[in-house]
N, C-alpha and C. Protein backbone atom coordinates (compact mmCIF):
# COMPACT_ATOMS: atom_id res chain seq x y z
N UNK A 1 22.45 22.01 97.32
CA UNK A 1 23.60 22.41 96.70
C UNK A 1 22.82 22.94 95.13
N UNK A 2 23.60 24.03 95.05
CA UNK A 2 23.26 24.67 93.43
C UNK A 2 24.31 24.04 92.30
N UNK A 3 23.74 23.65 91.38
CA UNK A 3 24.66 23.03 90.08
C UNK A 3 24.04 23.51 88.60
N UNK A 4 24.89 23.61 88.01
CA UNK A 4 24.62 24.32 86.69
C UNK A 4 23.91 23.40 85.75
N UNK A 5 22.81 23.81 84.96
CA UNK A 5 21.70 23.33 84.10
C UNK A 5 22.02 22.17 83.79
N UNK A 6 23.74 22.10 83.35
CA UNK A 6 24.36 20.79 82.18
C UNK A 6 23.91 19.51 83.57
N UNK A 7 23.70 19.77 84.61
CA UNK A 7 23.90 18.43 85.50
C UNK A 7 22.71 17.83 85.41
N UNK A 8 21.61 18.27 84.58
CA UNK A 8 20.27 17.52 83.76
C UNK A 8 20.83 16.22 83.04
N UNK A 9 21.96 16.40 82.19
CA UNK A 9 22.07 15.50 81.53
C UNK A 9 22.77 14.16 82.24
N UNK A 10 23.22 14.62 83.50
CA UNK A 10 23.75 13.32 84.38
C UNK A 10 22.84 13.17 85.80
N UNK A 11 21.95 13.47 85.39
CA UNK A 11 21.21 13.56 86.44
C UNK A 11 20.66 12.30 86.98
N UNK A 12 20.88 11.98 88.42
CA UNK A 12 20.66 10.18 88.55
C UNK A 12 19.42 10.52 89.66
N UNK A 13 18.04 10.22 89.33
CA UNK A 13 17.41 10.49 90.26
C UNK A 13 16.97 9.77 91.80
N UNK A 14 18.09 8.47 91.44
CA UNK A 14 17.68 7.51 92.78
C UNK A 14 18.93 8.28 93.98
N UNK A 15 19.49 8.98 93.34
CA UNK A 15 20.69 9.63 94.22
C UNK A 15 20.40 11.12 94.68
N UNK A 16 19.56 12.03 93.77
CA UNK A 16 19.30 13.02 93.81
C UNK A 16 18.00 13.69 93.68
N UNK A 17 17.23 14.63 94.34
CA UNK A 17 16.50 15.05 94.24
C UNK A 17 16.39 16.37 93.97
N UNK A 18 15.58 17.06 92.69
CA UNK A 18 15.74 18.37 92.18
C UNK A 18 14.87 19.12 92.72
N UNK A 19 15.33 20.14 93.82
CA UNK A 19 14.34 21.00 94.66
C UNK A 19 13.99 22.06 93.97
N UNK A 20 14.82 22.47 93.30
CA UNK A 20 13.71 23.79 92.17
C UNK A 20 14.92 24.51 91.41
N UNK A 21 14.51 25.56 91.03
CA UNK A 21 15.50 26.55 90.04
C UNK A 21 15.74 27.98 90.69
N UNK A 22 17.07 28.46 90.53
CA UNK A 22 16.90 29.78 90.60
C UNK A 22 17.31 30.59 89.34
N UNK A 23 16.83 31.58 88.84
CA UNK A 23 17.33 32.61 87.71
C UNK A 23 16.76 33.64 87.93
N UNK A 24 17.11 34.47 86.79
CA UNK A 24 16.54 35.77 87.09
C UNK A 24 15.04 36.42 86.97
N UNK A 25 14.36 35.06 86.30
CA UNK A 25 13.30 35.36 86.18
C UNK A 25 12.30 34.52 86.66
N UNK A 26 12.60 33.46 87.26
CA UNK A 26 11.44 32.61 88.42
C UNK A 26 12.42 31.87 89.31
N UNK A 27 11.59 32.42 90.25
CA UNK A 27 12.40 31.89 91.61
C UNK A 27 11.57 30.37 92.08
N UNK A 28 12.19 29.19 92.13
CA UNK A 28 11.10 28.20 92.34
C UNK A 28 11.68 27.44 93.38
N UNK A 29 12.42 28.27 94.14
CA UNK A 29 13.08 27.73 95.37
C UNK A 29 12.94 28.79 96.36
N UNK A 30 12.50 28.76 97.62
CA UNK A 30 12.29 29.69 98.50
C UNK A 30 13.22 30.33 98.78
N UNK A 31 14.41 31.31 98.33
CA UNK A 31 15.47 31.76 98.37
C UNK A 31 15.45 33.38 98.12
N UNK A 32 15.49 34.42 98.73
CA UNK A 32 15.75 35.79 98.48
C UNK A 32 16.64 36.04 98.73
N UNK A 33 16.88 37.47 98.02
CA UNK A 33 17.88 38.46 97.44
C UNK A 33 18.44 38.99 99.03
N UNK A 34 19.77 38.50 99.57
CA UNK A 34 20.26 39.29 100.46
C UNK A 34 20.89 40.42 100.59
N UNK A 35 20.88 40.96 99.23
CA UNK A 35 22.18 42.49 99.11
C UNK A 35 21.38 42.98 98.13
N UNK A 36 21.48 44.46 98.20
CA UNK A 36 21.01 45.24 97.35
C UNK A 36 22.13 45.77 96.28
N UNK A 37 21.88 45.32 94.96
CA UNK A 37 23.06 45.67 93.99
C UNK A 37 22.89 46.90 93.05
N UNK A 38 21.74 47.97 93.34
CA UNK A 38 21.16 48.76 92.77
C UNK A 38 22.62 49.88 92.46
N UNK A 39 23.31 49.88 93.46
CA UNK A 39 24.01 51.05 92.93
C UNK A 39 25.48 50.31 92.30
N UNK A 40 25.65 49.09 91.95
CA UNK A 40 26.55 48.93 91.52
C UNK A 40 26.69 48.82 89.75
N UNK A 41 27.66 48.95 89.04
CA UNK A 41 27.74 49.44 87.54
C UNK A 41 28.03 47.77 86.99
N UNK A 42 27.56 47.82 85.48
CA UNK A 42 28.17 46.68 84.89
C UNK A 42 29.22 47.41 83.81
N UNK A 43 30.50 46.39 84.07
CA UNK A 43 31.88 46.69 83.98
C UNK A 43 31.78 45.44 82.34
N UNK A 44 32.43 46.03 80.82
CA UNK A 44 32.98 44.79 80.24
C UNK A 44 34.47 44.51 80.61
N UNK A 45 34.64 43.71 80.47
CA UNK A 45 36.24 43.20 80.54
C UNK A 45 37.41 44.20 80.22
N UNK A 46 37.04 44.98 79.32
CA UNK A 46 37.91 45.87 78.91
C UNK A 46 38.10 47.40 80.10
N UNK A 47 36.96 47.34 80.99
CA UNK A 47 37.11 48.33 81.63
C UNK A 47 35.83 49.64 81.60
N UNK A 48 35.02 49.30 80.24
CA UNK A 48 34.22 50.04 79.80
C UNK A 48 32.84 49.72 80.48
N UNK A 49 31.90 50.94 80.93
CA UNK A 49 30.58 50.61 81.29
C UNK A 49 30.07 50.46 80.21
N UNK A 50 28.92 49.30 80.55
CA UNK A 50 27.64 48.81 79.58
C UNK A 50 26.73 49.84 80.27
N UNK A 51 26.42 50.60 80.66
CA UNK A 51 25.45 51.43 81.07
C UNK A 51 24.42 50.70 82.00
N UNK A 52 24.58 49.33 82.24
CA UNK A 52 23.32 48.78 83.23
C UNK A 52 23.69 48.98 84.35
N UNK A 53 22.80 48.67 85.31
CA UNK A 53 23.07 48.87 86.89
C UNK A 53 23.01 47.05 87.56
N UNK A 54 23.34 47.40 88.81
CA UNK A 54 23.30 46.06 89.29
C UNK A 54 22.03 45.35 89.53
N UNK A 55 20.78 46.14 89.48
CA UNK A 55 19.68 45.37 89.34
C UNK A 55 19.34 44.10 88.20
N UNK A 56 20.27 44.18 87.46
CA UNK A 56 20.19 43.29 86.17
C UNK A 56 20.52 41.96 86.99
N UNK A 57 21.01 41.84 87.94
CA UNK A 57 21.74 40.40 88.76
C UNK A 57 20.58 39.87 89.96
N UNK A 58 19.72 40.78 89.98
CA UNK A 58 18.66 40.18 91.22
C UNK A 58 18.17 38.52 90.90
N UNK A 59 18.33 37.70 91.34
CA UNK A 59 17.50 36.31 91.27
C UNK A 59 18.63 35.50 90.81
N UNK A 60 19.69 36.11 90.45
CA UNK A 60 20.85 35.07 89.90
C UNK A 60 21.73 34.79 91.04
N UNK A 61 22.65 33.91 91.14
CA UNK A 61 23.83 33.61 92.22
C UNK A 61 24.76 34.89 91.59
N UNK A 62 25.26 35.23 92.97
CA UNK A 62 26.44 36.34 92.82
C UNK A 62 27.88 35.71 93.54
N UNK A 63 28.82 36.19 92.68
CA UNK A 63 30.26 35.51 93.18
C UNK A 63 31.00 36.80 93.48
N UNK A 64 31.90 37.19 94.54
CA UNK A 64 32.80 38.09 94.44
C UNK A 64 34.16 37.95 93.81
N UNK A 65 34.38 39.08 93.43
CA UNK A 65 35.73 38.95 92.31
C UNK A 65 35.24 39.37 91.13
N UNK A 66 36.19 39.21 90.33
CA UNK A 66 36.29 39.59 88.71
C UNK A 66 36.43 38.34 87.80
N UNK A 67 35.19 37.98 87.08
CA UNK A 67 35.56 36.60 86.41
C UNK A 67 36.71 36.87 85.11
N UNK A 68 37.01 35.63 84.65
CA UNK A 68 38.09 35.58 83.82
C UNK A 68 37.56 36.16 82.27
N UNK A 69 36.24 35.67 82.28
CA UNK A 69 35.47 36.26 80.86
C UNK A 69 34.21 36.69 81.54
N UNK A 70 33.80 37.68 80.22
CA UNK A 70 32.12 38.21 80.72
C UNK A 70 32.06 39.26 81.48
N UNK A 71 31.02 39.81 81.74
CA UNK A 71 30.80 41.35 82.34
C UNK A 71 30.96 40.85 83.84
N UNK A 72 31.10 41.97 84.61
CA UNK A 72 31.14 42.14 85.92
C UNK A 72 30.41 43.53 86.45
N UNK A 73 30.27 43.24 87.83
CA UNK A 73 29.86 44.86 88.27
C UNK A 73 30.51 45.36 89.37
N UNK A 74 31.05 46.49 89.51
CA UNK A 74 31.75 47.57 90.73
C UNK A 74 30.67 48.05 91.58
N UNK A 75 31.22 48.35 92.59
CA UNK A 75 30.63 49.56 93.50
C UNK A 75 31.69 49.77 94.38
N UNK A 76 32.05 51.42 94.43
CA UNK A 76 33.46 51.58 95.68
C UNK A 76 34.35 50.60 94.71
N UNK A 77 35.10 49.65 95.95
CA UNK A 77 35.83 49.01 95.70
C UNK A 77 35.74 47.72 95.69
N UNK A 78 34.33 47.15 95.37
CA UNK A 78 33.81 45.83 95.45
C UNK A 78 33.40 45.41 94.19
N UNK A 79 33.76 44.27 93.63
CA UNK A 79 33.41 43.51 92.52
C UNK A 79 33.11 42.45 92.48
N UNK A 80 31.78 41.95 91.70
CA UNK A 80 31.16 40.80 91.85
C UNK A 80 30.30 40.49 90.22
N UNK A 81 30.43 39.41 90.44
CA UNK A 81 29.80 38.80 89.04
C UNK A 81 28.47 38.05 89.34
N UNK A 82 27.56 37.87 88.22
CA UNK A 82 26.46 36.65 88.39
C UNK A 82 27.03 35.56 87.31
N UNK A 83 26.32 34.65 87.99
CA UNK A 83 26.43 33.15 87.56
C UNK A 83 25.13 33.17 86.85
N UNK A 84 25.25 31.63 86.09
CA UNK A 84 24.06 31.24 85.40
C UNK A 84 23.11 30.93 86.31
N UNK A 85 21.85 30.41 85.93
CA UNK A 85 21.05 30.04 86.34
C UNK A 85 21.33 28.64 86.83
N UNK A 86 21.02 28.56 88.28
CA UNK A 86 21.51 26.96 89.22
C UNK A 86 19.88 26.33 89.32
N UNK A 87 20.34 24.87 89.21
CA UNK A 87 19.19 24.01 89.74
C UNK A 87 19.58 23.65 91.51
N UNK A 88 18.80 23.49 92.54
CA UNK A 88 19.03 23.06 93.67
C UNK A 88 18.64 21.73 93.46
N UNK A 89 19.47 20.91 94.38
CA UNK A 89 19.47 19.62 94.47
C UNK A 89 19.77 19.32 96.09
N UNK A 90 19.27 18.02 96.52
CA UNK A 90 19.49 17.32 97.73
C UNK A 90 19.68 16.01 97.56
N UNK A 91 20.67 15.67 98.32
CA UNK A 91 20.83 13.85 98.60
C UNK A 91 19.77 13.44 98.94
N UNK A 92 19.26 11.94 98.36
CA UNK A 92 18.44 11.51 98.77
C UNK A 92 18.95 10.69 100.10
């Protein structure tokens, strides 16, 4: 299961084992990207393009839809956004 970094403040080692970390720089869990986002364009909440492409989101978890705040990515009629790095844990 993927949880936010803030999980570490409440981590109970007897209950959960930390398996690894996935973020845009280091993939410490063997999870590969299953989609190609290079044709997506980054947009601000105002609808203005930032000039960045979807390659910026590789390695981060991606959710479908437009977030309530923050930038998002569009391609044709699809909208996605990238979340922060996640720690992967499993129940002991």
